[in-house]
Protein backbone atom coordinates (compact mmCIF):
# COMPACT_ATOMS: atom_id res chain seq x y z
CA MET A 1 -30.71 -3.71 -10.06
CA PHE A 2 -33.35 -2.45 -7.59
CA GLY A 3 -34.54 -6.03 -7.03
CA LEU A 4 -31.00 -7.09 -6.14
CA VAL A 5 -30.68 -4.28 -3.57
CA VAL A 6 -33.99 -5.27 -1.98
CA LEU A 7 -32.92 -8.93 -1.91
CA VAL A 8 -29.59 -8.05 -0.25
CA PHE A 9 -31.42 -5.89 2.31
CA VAL A 10 -33.90 -8.70 3.11
CA VAL A 11 -31.09 -11.24 3.49
CA LEU A 12 -29.11 -8.93 5.78
CA ALA A 13 -32.22 -8.20 7.86
CA ALA A 14 -32.92 -11.92 8.16
CA PHE A 15 -29.34 -12.62 9.27
CA TYR A 16 -29.59 -9.81 11.79
CA ALA A 17 -32.91 -11.14 13.15
CA VAL A 18 -31.46 -14.64 13.49
CA SER A 19 -28.40 -13.23 15.24
CA VAL A 20 -30.55 -11.28 17.72
CA TYR A 21 -32.79 -14.31 18.30
CA ASN A 22 -29.78 -16.55 19.02
CA SER A 23 -28.30 -13.93 21.34
CA LEU A 24 -31.56 -13.68 23.29
CA ILE A 25 -31.76 -17.48 23.56
CA ALA A 26 -28.20 -17.58 24.95
CA LEU A 27 -28.88 -14.80 27.45
CA ARG A 28 -32.16 -16.37 28.59
CA ASN A 29 -30.40 -19.70 29.13
CA HIS A 30 -27.67 -17.88 31.04
CA PHE A 31 -30.10 -16.37 33.55
CA LYS A 32 -31.95 -19.69 33.86
CA ASN A 33 -28.64 -21.35 34.69
CA ALA A 34 -27.91 -18.61 37.22
CA PHE A 35 -31.25 -19.37 38.88
CA ALA A 36 -30.25 -23.03 39.09
CA GLN A 37 -27.35 -21.91 41.30
CA ILE A 38 -29.81 -20.10 43.58
CA ASP A 39 -31.95 -23.23 43.60
CA VAL A 40 -29.05 -25.32 44.92
CA GLN A 41 -28.38 -22.89 47.77
CA LEU A 42 -32.06 -22.50 48.65
CA GLN A 43 -32.45 -26.28 48.87
CA ARG A 44 -29.49 -26.37 51.26
CA ARG A 45 -31.10 -23.63 53.33
CA TYR A 46 -34.45 -25.43 53.41
CA GLU A 47 -32.73 -28.61 54.63
CA LEU A 48 -30.93 -26.79 57.46
CA ILE A 49 -33.99 -25.03 58.87
CA PRO A 50 -35.86 -28.07 60.27
CA ASN A 51 -32.64 -29.29 61.91
CA LEU A 52 -32.13 -25.92 63.56
CA VAL A 53 -35.75 -25.73 64.70
CA GLU A 54 -35.57 -29.24 66.18
CA ALA A 55 -32.33 -28.41 68.00
CA VAL A 56 -33.76 -25.19 69.41
CA LYS A 57 -37.13 -26.72 70.34
CA ALA A 58 -35.86 -28.18 73.59
CA TYR A 59 -34.73 -24.76 74.80
CA LEU A 60 -37.63 -22.73 73.47
CA SER A 61 -40.64 -24.98 74.08
CA HIS A 62 -42.55 -21.93 75.31
CA GLU A 63 -41.85 -20.17 71.98
CA LYS A 64 -43.81 -22.63 69.84
CA ASP A 65 -45.43 -19.81 67.88
CA THR A 66 -42.06 -18.60 66.59
CA LEU A 67 -40.94 -22.13 65.70
CA THR A 68 -44.23 -22.86 63.94
CA LYS A 69 -43.94 -19.64 61.93
CA VAL A 70 -40.42 -20.56 60.80
CA ILE A 71 -41.53 -23.98 59.56
CA ALA A 72 -44.65 -22.55 57.88
CA ALA A 73 -42.56 -19.87 56.16
CA ARG A 74 -40.05 -22.52 55.06
CA ASN A 75 -42.80 -24.68 53.56
CA GLN A 76 -44.29 -21.69 51.74
CA ALA A 77 -40.85 -20.77 50.39
CA ILE A 78 -40.23 -24.33 49.18
CA THR A 79 -43.50 -24.30 47.25
CA ALA A 80 -42.75 -20.90 45.72
CA GLU A 81 -39.21 -21.99 44.83
CA GLN A 82 -40.44 -25.13 43.08
CA VAL A 83 -42.84 -23.07 40.97
CA ALA A 84 -40.12 -20.50 40.19
CA ALA A 85 -37.61 -23.21 39.24
CA LYS A 86 -40.05 -24.48 36.60
CA ASN A 87 -40.91 -20.95 35.38
CA VAL A 88 -37.74 -18.89 35.80
CA ASP A 89 -38.91 -16.34 33.24
CA SER A 90 -42.33 -15.89 34.91
CA VAL A 91 -42.77 -12.52 36.60
CA GLU A 92 -45.53 -13.89 38.83
CA ALA A 93 -43.43 -16.88 39.97
CA MET A 94 -40.48 -14.60 40.81
CA ASN A 95 -42.76 -12.23 42.75
CA GLN A 96 -44.19 -15.12 44.77
CA LEU A 97 -40.71 -16.46 45.50
CA SER A 98 -39.49 -13.01 46.54
CA GLN A 99 -42.40 -12.59 48.94
CA ALA A 100 -42.05 -16.10 50.39
CA GLU A 101 -38.30 -15.66 50.89
CA GLY A 102 -38.90 -12.30 52.57
CA VAL A 103 -41.30 -13.90 55.05
CA LEU A 104 -38.86 -16.76 55.69
CA THR A 105 -35.95 -14.37 56.20
CA ALA A 106 -37.99 -12.37 58.72
CA ALA A 107 -39.05 -15.53 60.60
CA LEU A 108 -35.47 -16.78 60.72
CA GLY A 109 -34.33 -13.37 61.94
CA LYS A 110 -36.79 -13.55 64.83
CA LEU A 111 -35.58 -17.06 65.68
CA MET A 112 -31.96 -15.88 65.66
CA VAL A 113 -32.74 -12.89 67.89
CA LEU A 114 -34.74 -15.09 70.24
CA SER A 115 -31.97 -17.67 70.46
CA GLU A 116 -29.43 -14.96 71.33
CA ALA A 117 -31.39 -14.26 74.53
CA TYR A 118 -30.82 -17.76 75.89
CA PRO A 119 -27.31 -18.62 77.20
CA ASP A 120 -28.01 -22.37 76.92
CA ILE A 121 -28.61 -22.03 73.21
CA LYS A 122 -25.51 -19.92 72.73
CA ALA A 123 -23.47 -22.59 74.53
CA ASN A 124 -24.83 -25.53 72.51
CA SER A 125 -22.26 -26.40 69.84
CA THR A 126 -24.75 -28.25 67.61
CA ILE A 127 -27.04 -25.24 67.46
CA GLN A 128 -24.12 -22.89 66.91
CA ASN A 129 -22.82 -25.07 64.06
CA LEU A 130 -26.27 -25.14 62.45
CA MET A 131 -26.57 -21.36 62.77
CA GLU A 132 -23.13 -20.89 61.25
CA GLU A 133 -24.00 -23.20 58.35
CA LEU A 134 -27.23 -21.28 57.85
CA LYS A 135 -25.37 -17.95 57.80
CA THR A 136 -22.86 -19.34 55.29
CA THR A 137 -25.70 -20.62 53.12
CA GLU A 138 -27.42 -17.22 53.35
CA ASN A 139 -24.23 -15.64 52.00
CA ARG A 140 -24.12 -18.15 49.15
CA VAL A 141 -27.76 -17.41 48.34
CA GLY A 142 -26.87 -13.72 48.24
CA PHE A 143 -23.97 -14.27 45.83
CA ALA A 144 -26.03 -16.57 43.61
CA ARG A 145 -28.91 -14.09 43.63
CA GLN A 146 -26.54 -11.30 42.57
CA ALA A 147 -25.24 -13.42 39.67
CA PHE A 148 -28.82 -14.19 38.64
CA ASN A 149 -29.88 -10.55 38.85
CA ASP A 150 -26.85 -9.51 36.77
CA ALA A 151 -27.74 -12.11 34.12
CA VAL A 152 -31.36 -10.90 34.11
CA MET A 153 -30.20 -7.31 33.69
CA VAL A 154 -27.98 -8.19 30.70
CA TYR A 155 -30.83 -10.15 29.11
CA ASN A 156 -33.36 -7.34 29.68
CA ILE A 157 -31.00 -4.70 28.28
CA GLU A 158 -30.31 -6.74 25.18
CA ARG A 159 -34.03 -7.46 24.79
CA GLU A 160 -34.98 -3.78 25.08
CA LYS A 161 -32.39 -2.34 22.67
CA PHE A 162 -33.61 -1.07 19.35
CA PRO A 163 -34.02 -2.84 16.92
CA ASN A 164 -33.57 -5.96 19.09
CA ASN A 165 -36.88 -5.17 20.77
CA ILE A 166 -38.68 -5.70 17.46
CA VAL A 167 -37.24 -9.20 17.15
CA ALA A 168 -37.85 -9.89 20.86
CA ASN A 169 -41.49 -8.83 20.70
CA PHE A 170 -42.07 -10.71 17.44
CA THR A 171 -40.56 -13.90 18.88
CA ASN A 172 -42.26 -13.47 22.29
CA PHE A 173 -39.23 -12.90 24.52
CA GLN A 174 -40.70 -11.48 27.73
CA ALA A 175 -38.88 -9.29 30.22
CA ALA A 176 -37.35 -11.23 33.11
CA LEU A 177 -37.68 -10.17 36.72
CA PRO A 178 -34.71 -10.06 39.10
CA LEU A 179 -35.06 -11.86 42.42
CA GLU A 180 -35.45 -9.25 45.13
CA ILE A 181 -35.89 -10.62 48.64
CA ALA A 182 -37.71 -8.04 50.68
CA ASN A 183 -36.40 -7.32 54.14
CA VAL A 184 -39.69 -7.30 56.02
CA GLU A 185 -38.03 -6.30 59.28
CA ALA A 186 -36.49 -3.20 57.69
CA LYS A 187 -39.99 -1.89 57.00
CA GLU A 188 -41.10 -2.23 60.61
CA PRO A 189 -40.68 0.82 62.84
CA VAL A 190 -37.79 0.75 65.29
CA ARG A 191 -38.91 0.60 68.90
CA ILE A 192 -36.66 1.89 71.63
CA SER A 193 -37.29 1.01 75.22
CA PHE A 194 -35.49 2.51 78.22
CA LYS A 195 -36.65 -0.09 80.79
């Protein structure tokens, strides 16, 4: 009789472990799919940036440093995104992508502010269309990032629950990192000038 009880307990524990494992697989695939949606929007963003820089170049030839920084930040972000796309569950890859996107966002912000100071740029419909497309793409990136971060949160919660954490640790399910894009400009002090 005791042997039967132990056997039933072992079978139930095995079914539970398999159920948790399958649930974690599904949740991990869900957040990887959510990252694929970010990937699509980031690619669109990366394609728009050189067009915008080329269009603005004629008006801001004396601002080559800003334009060079935007392209360099874009190239760094593309590299980080490619690594992250291959390793969505890598904490290091997500950190590098977050940092690269933060630098790119700051560089684009400076370009936008700079372009606002020139009436010729504001009047150019091609540049305005590119800027509007870029803003729309930024919004799509934000929505896709939110969906990804929500999927990561659900996965991490399920992974950390007891006794799921025992199965997760035994089967090597690592914690996933949400994609946080730092706002570099928000950390800079505000300067007020009364000139």
